[in-house]
N, C-alpha and C. Protein backbone atom coordinates (compact mmCIF):
# COMPACT_ATOMS: atom_id res chain seq x y z
N MET A 1 -5.18 35.89 -3.67
CA MET A 1 -4.18 34.87 -3.30
C MET A 1 -3.53 34.28 -4.54
N SER A 2 -2.31 33.87 -4.63
CA SER A 2 -1.49 33.57 -5.59
C SER A 2 -2.09 32.00 -6.09
N ASP A 3 -1.99 31.89 -7.28
CA ASP A 3 -2.30 30.49 -7.94
C ASP A 3 -1.16 29.58 -7.88
N ARG A 4 -0.02 29.80 -7.32
CA ARG A 4 1.20 29.04 -7.30
C ARG A 4 1.61 28.97 -5.76
N ILE A 5 2.31 27.62 -5.57
CA ILE A 5 2.76 27.54 -4.21
C ILE A 5 3.98 26.70 -4.30
N ARG A 6 4.89 26.61 -3.19
CA ARG A 6 5.91 25.71 -3.09
C ARG A 6 5.56 24.37 -3.17
N LEU A 7 6.36 23.52 -3.95
CA LEU A 7 6.07 22.14 -4.10
C LEU A 7 5.83 21.31 -2.93
N ASP A 8 6.87 21.47 -1.99
CA ASP A 8 6.78 20.74 -0.62
C ASP A 8 5.48 20.98 0.10
N LYS A 9 5.17 22.22 0.13
CA LYS A 9 3.96 22.67 0.87
C LYS A 9 2.60 21.99 0.18
N TRP A 10 2.66 22.03 -1.17
CA TRP A 10 1.46 21.42 -1.93
C TRP A 10 1.46 19.98 -1.61
N LEU A 11 2.69 19.23 -1.68
CA LEU A 11 2.53 17.80 -1.34
C LEU A 11 2.06 17.52 -0.02
N TRP A 12 2.35 18.35 0.88
CA TRP A 12 1.93 18.16 2.45
C TRP A 12 0.52 18.42 2.47
N ALA A 13 -0.11 19.46 1.82
CA ALA A 13 -1.36 19.89 1.85
C ALA A 13 -2.27 18.73 1.22
N ALA A 14 -1.73 18.26 0.07
CA ALA A 14 -2.49 17.24 -0.67
C ALA A 14 -2.34 15.90 -0.04
N ARG A 15 -1.68 15.88 0.94
CA ARG A 15 -1.63 14.56 1.90
C ARG A 15 -0.77 13.33 1.14
N PHE A 16 0.27 13.88 0.49
CA PHE A 16 1.13 12.70 -0.15
C PHE A 16 2.09 12.43 0.95
N TYR A 17 2.39 13.31 1.77
CA TYR A 17 3.43 13.09 2.83
C TYR A 17 2.77 13.67 4.15
N LYS A 18 3.26 13.06 5.17
CA LYS A 18 2.69 13.42 6.44
C LYS A 18 3.18 14.70 7.10
N THR A 19 4.43 15.06 6.75
CA THR A 19 4.98 16.40 7.17
C THR A 19 5.64 17.07 6.00
N ARG A 20 5.77 18.31 6.12
CA ARG A 20 6.46 19.13 4.94
C ARG A 20 7.89 18.88 4.90
N SER A 21 8.53 18.53 6.13
CA SER A 21 9.89 18.18 5.98
C SER A 21 10.23 16.84 5.25
N LEU A 22 9.31 15.88 5.56
CA LEU A 22 9.41 14.62 4.96
C LEU A 22 9.18 14.70 3.16
N ALA A 23 8.24 15.62 3.00
CA ALA A 23 8.13 15.86 1.61
C ALA A 23 9.26 16.69 0.99
N SER A 24 10.02 17.46 1.74
CA SER A 24 11.20 18.24 1.32
C SER A 24 12.34 17.21 1.03
N ASP A 25 12.34 16.18 2.01
CA ASP A 25 13.35 15.22 1.95
C ASP A 25 13.17 14.38 0.67
N GLU A 26 11.93 13.91 0.45
CA GLU A 26 11.75 13.02 -0.71
C GLU A 26 11.94 13.83 -2.05
N ILE A 27 11.57 15.07 -1.99
CA ILE A 27 11.97 15.91 -3.29
C ILE A 27 13.53 16.05 -3.32
N GLY A 28 14.14 16.04 -2.36
CA GLY A 28 15.67 16.31 -2.38
C GLY A 28 16.26 14.90 -2.95
N LYS A 29 15.83 13.78 -2.65
CA LYS A 29 16.27 12.56 -2.96
C LYS A 29 15.78 12.21 -4.44
N GLY A 30 15.05 13.19 -5.15
CA GLY A 30 14.79 12.91 -6.67
C GLY A 30 13.58 12.01 -6.74
N ARG A 31 12.75 11.81 -5.83
CA ARG A 31 11.60 11.08 -5.86
C ARG A 31 10.22 11.74 -6.42
N VAL A 32 10.42 12.97 -6.62
CA VAL A 32 9.35 13.84 -7.07
C VAL A 32 9.70 14.59 -8.34
N GLN A 33 8.93 14.48 -9.33
CA GLN A 33 9.19 15.38 -10.67
C GLN A 33 8.05 16.26 -10.91
N VAL A 34 8.34 17.36 -11.50
CA VAL A 34 7.26 18.31 -11.97
C VAL A 34 7.66 18.43 -13.47
N ASN A 35 6.36 18.18 -14.26
CA ASN A 35 6.42 18.17 -15.57
C ASN A 35 7.62 17.47 -16.31
N GLY A 36 7.99 16.31 -15.51
CA GLY A 36 8.96 15.35 -16.18
C GLY A 36 10.35 15.80 -15.82
N GLN A 37 10.47 16.91 -15.00
CA GLN A 37 12.00 17.19 -14.66
C GLN A 37 12.11 16.99 -13.17
N PRO A 38 13.37 16.78 -12.50
CA PRO A 38 13.58 16.84 -11.20
C PRO A 38 13.22 18.32 -10.61
N ALA A 39 12.83 18.17 -9.43
CA ALA A 39 12.45 19.48 -8.77
C ALA A 39 13.09 19.77 -7.29
N LYS A 40 13.01 20.96 -6.93
CA LYS A 40 13.56 21.13 -5.64
C LYS A 40 12.45 21.62 -4.85
N PRO A 41 12.47 21.49 -3.44
CA PRO A 41 11.46 21.84 -2.60
C PRO A 41 10.79 23.35 -2.78
N ALA A 42 11.52 24.24 -3.14
CA ALA A 42 10.99 25.60 -3.38
C ALA A 42 10.30 25.77 -4.77
N ARG A 43 10.42 24.77 -5.58
CA ARG A 43 9.78 24.97 -7.06
C ARG A 43 8.34 25.30 -6.73
N GLU A 44 7.74 26.35 -7.54
CA GLU A 44 6.46 26.60 -7.32
C GLU A 44 5.61 25.79 -8.48
N VAL A 45 4.50 25.30 -8.11
CA VAL A 45 3.55 24.57 -8.74
C VAL A 45 2.07 25.28 -8.86
N GLY A 46 1.52 24.94 -9.78
CA GLY A 46 0.17 25.59 -10.00
C GLY A 46 -0.73 24.82 -10.83
N PRO A 47 -1.96 25.18 -11.00
CA PRO A 47 -3.06 24.18 -11.81
C PRO A 47 -2.42 24.14 -13.22
N GLY A 48 -2.66 22.73 -13.58
CA GLY A 48 -2.00 22.31 -14.83
C GLY A 48 -0.78 21.59 -14.86
N ASP A 49 0.02 21.75 -13.76
CA ASP A 49 1.41 21.03 -13.57
C ASP A 49 1.21 19.69 -13.43
N LEU A 50 2.08 18.93 -13.89
CA LEU A 50 1.99 17.28 -13.90
C LEU A 50 3.17 16.94 -12.81
N VAL A 51 2.65 16.39 -11.69
CA VAL A 51 3.56 15.91 -10.68
C VAL A 51 3.69 14.50 -10.51
N THR A 52 4.85 14.01 -10.62
CA THR A 52 5.09 12.46 -10.58
C THR A 52 5.74 12.29 -9.07
N VAL A 53 5.08 11.27 -8.28
CA VAL A 53 5.45 11.01 -7.09
C VAL A 53 5.84 9.58 -6.90
N ARG A 54 7.10 9.13 -6.62
CA ARG A 54 7.55 7.76 -6.58
C ARG A 54 7.68 7.44 -5.11
N LYS A 55 6.40 7.15 -4.57
CA LYS A 55 6.34 6.56 -3.20
C LYS A 55 6.28 5.11 -3.14
N GLU A 56 5.67 4.54 -4.14
CA GLU A 56 5.56 3.12 -4.23
C GLU A 56 5.70 2.90 -5.74
N ASP A 57 5.66 1.43 -6.01
CA ASP A 57 5.64 1.03 -7.46
C ASP A 57 4.43 0.70 -7.97
N PRO A 58 3.83 1.23 -9.04
CA PRO A 58 4.42 2.27 -9.95
C PRO A 58 4.20 3.60 -9.39
N PRO A 59 4.87 4.60 -10.00
CA PRO A 59 4.84 5.93 -9.49
C PRO A 59 3.49 6.63 -9.75
N ILE A 60 3.07 7.71 -8.81
CA ILE A 60 1.66 8.05 -9.02
C ILE A 60 1.89 9.35 -9.84
N GLU A 61 1.19 9.55 -10.99
CA GLU A 61 1.08 10.79 -11.66
C GLU A 61 -0.08 11.62 -11.63
N VAL A 62 -0.09 12.92 -11.17
CA VAL A 62 -1.27 13.68 -10.79
C VAL A 62 -1.10 15.09 -11.53
N ARG A 63 -2.23 15.33 -11.84
CA ARG A 63 -2.24 16.87 -12.50
C ARG A 63 -2.75 17.82 -11.36
N VAL A 64 -2.13 18.78 -11.05
CA VAL A 64 -2.54 19.84 -9.98
C VAL A 64 -3.78 20.55 -10.59
N ARG A 65 -4.78 20.43 -9.85
CA ARG A 65 -6.07 21.14 -10.06
C ARG A 65 -6.26 22.46 -9.28
N ALA A 66 -5.73 22.55 -8.03
CA ALA A 66 -5.85 23.64 -7.31
C ALA A 66 -4.64 23.75 -6.29
N VAL A 67 -4.57 24.82 -5.63
CA VAL A 67 -3.40 24.99 -4.60
C VAL A 67 -4.06 25.38 -3.30
N SER A 68 -3.38 24.83 -2.15
CA SER A 68 -3.81 25.31 -0.79
C SER A 68 -2.55 25.15 0.03
N GLY A 69 -2.47 26.12 0.93
CA GLY A 69 -1.36 26.19 1.79
C GLY A 69 -1.68 25.67 3.23
N ALA A 70 -2.96 25.18 3.23
CA ALA A 70 -3.46 24.56 4.58
C ALA A 70 -3.74 23.19 4.29
N ARG A 71 -3.30 22.30 5.43
CA ARG A 71 -3.69 20.84 5.25
C ARG A 71 -5.00 20.54 5.95
N GLY A 72 -5.98 20.25 4.98
CA GLY A 72 -7.30 19.99 5.48
C GLY A 72 -7.63 18.46 5.56
N PRO A 73 -8.90 18.25 5.52
CA PRO A 73 -9.32 16.81 5.59
C PRO A 73 -9.05 16.06 4.27
N ALA A 74 -8.95 14.70 4.22
CA ALA A 74 -8.49 14.10 3.10
C ALA A 74 -9.57 14.22 1.78
N THR A 75 -10.81 14.39 2.24
CA THR A 75 -11.73 14.68 1.13
C THR A 75 -11.44 16.02 0.35
N VAL A 76 -10.96 16.99 1.24
CA VAL A 76 -10.65 18.40 0.55
C VAL A 76 -9.28 18.36 -0.13
N ALA A 77 -8.39 17.58 0.53
CA ALA A 77 -7.07 17.37 -0.15
C ALA A 77 -7.12 16.66 -1.56
N ARG A 78 -8.12 15.65 -1.61
CA ARG A 78 -8.35 14.97 -2.90
C ARG A 78 -8.67 15.85 -4.07
N GLN A 79 -9.38 16.99 -3.75
CA GLN A 79 -9.64 17.88 -4.73
C GLN A 79 -8.65 18.83 -5.25
N LEU A 80 -7.42 18.70 -4.69
CA LEU A 80 -6.21 19.60 -5.08
C LEU A 80 -5.62 18.86 -6.30
N TYR A 81 -5.89 17.70 -6.63
CA TYR A 81 -5.27 16.95 -7.88
C TYR A 81 -6.13 15.92 -8.47
N GLU A 82 -5.72 15.54 -9.55
CA GLU A 82 -6.42 14.50 -10.31
C GLU A 82 -5.45 13.57 -11.04
N GLU A 83 -5.55 12.36 -10.73
CA GLU A 83 -4.64 11.33 -11.09
C GLU A 83 -4.85 10.99 -12.62
N THR A 84 -3.77 10.91 -13.30
CA THR A 84 -3.87 10.59 -14.81
C THR A 84 -4.41 9.33 -15.00
N PRO A 85 -5.17 9.10 -16.13
CA PRO A 85 -5.69 7.76 -16.54
C PRO A 85 -4.50 6.61 -16.54
N ALA A 86 -3.41 6.98 -17.32
CA ALA A 86 -2.38 6.10 -17.25
C ALA A 86 -1.88 5.57 -16.19
N SER A 87 -1.76 6.64 -15.09
CA SER A 87 -1.28 6.21 -13.68
C SER A 87 -2.36 5.25 -12.89
N THR A 88 -3.52 5.62 -13.10
CA THR A 88 -4.48 4.78 -12.65
C THR A 88 -4.52 3.40 -13.05
N ALA A 89 -4.44 3.24 -14.31
CA ALA A 89 -4.25 2.06 -14.91
C ALA A 89 -3.10 1.17 -14.53
N ALA A 90 -2.04 1.82 -14.54
CA ALA A 90 -0.80 1.20 -14.12
C ALA A 90 -0.90 0.75 -12.72
N ARG A 91 -1.54 1.51 -11.70
CA ARG A 91 -1.47 1.16 -10.25
C ARG A 91 -2.58 -0.05 -10.24
N GLU A 92 -3.63 0.06 -10.99
CA GLU A 92 -4.57 -1.23 -10.94
C GLU A 92 -3.97 -2.46 -11.41
N ARG A 93 -3.12 -2.41 -12.40
CA ARG A 93 -2.45 -3.62 -13.00
C ARG A 93 -1.49 -4.03 -12.13
N ALA A 94 -0.64 -3.22 -11.37
CA ALA A 94 0.29 -3.60 -10.39
C ALA A 94 -0.49 -4.26 -9.12
N ALA A 95 -1.74 -3.78 -8.75
CA ALA A 95 -2.43 -4.44 -7.78
C ALA A 95 -2.86 -5.84 -8.13
N GLU A 96 -3.23 -5.88 -9.48
CA GLU A 96 -3.81 -7.29 -9.76
C GLU A 96 -2.67 -8.26 -9.89
N MET A 97 -1.40 -7.74 -10.34
CA MET A 97 -0.32 -8.74 -10.25
C MET A 97 0.19 -9.06 -8.91
N ARG A 98 -0.05 -8.13 -7.95
CA ARG A 98 0.22 -8.52 -6.55
C ARG A 98 -0.67 -9.58 -6.15
N ARG A 99 -1.90 -9.37 -6.53
CA ARG A 99 -3.00 -10.17 -6.05
C ARG A 99 -2.89 -11.67 -6.75
N LEU A 100 -2.32 -11.84 -7.84
CA LEU A 100 -2.27 -13.07 -8.50
C LEU A 100 -0.84 -13.69 -8.13
N ALA A 101 0.05 -13.02 -7.55
CA ALA A 101 1.45 -13.64 -7.26
C ALA A 101 1.28 -14.72 -6.18
N PRO A 102 2.06 -15.65 -6.35
CA PRO A 102 1.99 -16.78 -5.33
C PRO A 102 2.27 -16.39 -3.90
N GLU A 103 1.94 -16.96 -3.06
CA GLU A 103 2.43 -16.51 -1.58
C GLU A 103 3.61 -17.12 -1.34
N PRO A 104 4.69 -16.31 -0.85
CA PRO A 104 5.97 -16.76 -0.65
C PRO A 104 6.07 -17.92 0.45
N ALA A 105 5.26 -17.85 1.50
CA ALA A 105 5.39 -18.86 2.39
C ALA A 105 4.93 -20.33 1.88
N LEU A 106 4.28 -20.41 0.61
CA LEU A 106 3.83 -21.72 0.05
C LEU A 106 5.09 -22.56 -0.19
N ASP A 107 6.26 -21.80 -0.64
CA ASP A 107 7.46 -22.53 -0.88
C ASP A 107 8.09 -23.36 0.32
N LEU A 108 7.69 -22.93 1.57
CA LEU A 108 8.12 -23.54 2.67
C LEU A 108 7.18 -24.60 3.19
N GLU A 109 7.25 -25.89 2.54
CA GLU A 109 6.06 -26.69 2.79
C GLU A 109 6.08 -27.10 4.10
N ALA A 110 7.15 -27.58 4.81
CA ALA A 110 7.01 -28.07 6.14
C ALA A 110 7.68 -27.20 7.13
N GLY A 111 8.03 -26.06 6.83
CA GLY A 111 8.73 -25.07 7.75
C GLY A 111 10.10 -25.39 7.64
N ARG A 112 11.03 -24.95 8.76
CA ARG A 112 12.44 -25.11 8.57
C ARG A 112 12.73 -26.53 9.09
N PRO A 113 13.83 -27.01 8.54
CA PRO A 113 14.26 -28.52 8.92
C PRO A 113 14.33 -28.78 10.32
N THR A 114 13.96 -29.97 10.64
CA THR A 114 14.23 -30.39 12.09
C THR A 114 15.66 -30.78 12.33
N LYS A 115 15.90 -31.29 13.56
CA LYS A 115 17.44 -31.64 13.80
C LYS A 115 17.72 -32.97 12.96
N ARG A 116 16.75 -33.75 12.75
CA ARG A 116 16.91 -34.96 12.14
C ARG A 116 17.03 -34.64 10.54
N ASP A 117 16.20 -33.79 10.07
CA ASP A 117 16.37 -33.42 8.71
C ASP A 117 17.76 -32.75 8.40
N ARG A 118 18.12 -32.00 9.35
CA ARG A 118 19.64 -31.27 9.04
C ARG A 118 20.53 -32.46 9.13
N ARG A 119 20.46 -33.37 10.01
CA ARG A 119 21.51 -34.60 9.83
C ARG A 119 21.55 -35.35 8.51
N LEU A 120 20.21 -35.42 8.08
CA LEU A 120 20.17 -36.14 6.73
C LEU A 120 20.90 -35.26 5.70
N ILE A 121 20.53 -33.98 5.79
CA ILE A 121 21.03 -33.03 4.67
C ILE A 121 22.72 -33.18 4.78
N ASP A 122 23.19 -33.17 6.03
CA ASP A 122 24.60 -33.16 6.24
C ASP A 122 25.08 -34.23 5.59
N ARG A 123 24.43 -35.41 5.95
CA ARG A 123 24.98 -36.75 5.46
C ARG A 123 25.02 -36.80 3.94
N MET A 124 23.91 -36.32 3.34
CA MET A 124 23.92 -36.26 1.82
C MET A 124 25.01 -35.47 1.23
N ARG A 125 25.31 -34.26 1.92
CA ARG A 125 26.38 -33.46 1.54
C ARG A 125 27.82 -33.89 1.80
N GLY A 126 27.94 -35.01 2.52
CA GLY A 126 29.18 -35.61 2.84
C GLY A 126 29.82 -35.04 4.16
N GLN A 127 29.02 -34.22 4.85
CA GLN A 127 29.66 -33.44 5.95
C GLN A 127 29.51 -34.12 7.28
N GLY A 128 28.92 -35.19 7.32
CA GLY A 128 28.65 -35.90 8.65
C GLY A 128 28.97 -37.29 8.65
């Protein structure tokens, strides 16, 4: 068996995308790079290639460890790649920043203005 496989098929087998056509669409939009260069769905990847997937912020960088043409369980799919230490650190940093970010709803202390509040606001603006 060959040690190289189409990029869209590998991304599908490694469970980055739910379907192969979705993987192909994302590659076409430029959201996947191989070895720092934009790729096409038919680009062949093999062990040692660096694949960058921009699904979320920050992008995930993985090194291809093995190839598989069949989509298997998540535990098997996880063995197809190894995330780079820099990517892991960046994702942990982003998760910590999201955790420490203030809750957006806290800005709305009392909810939306009541009819009485709206009339007071209009009077202050000189519209009422």
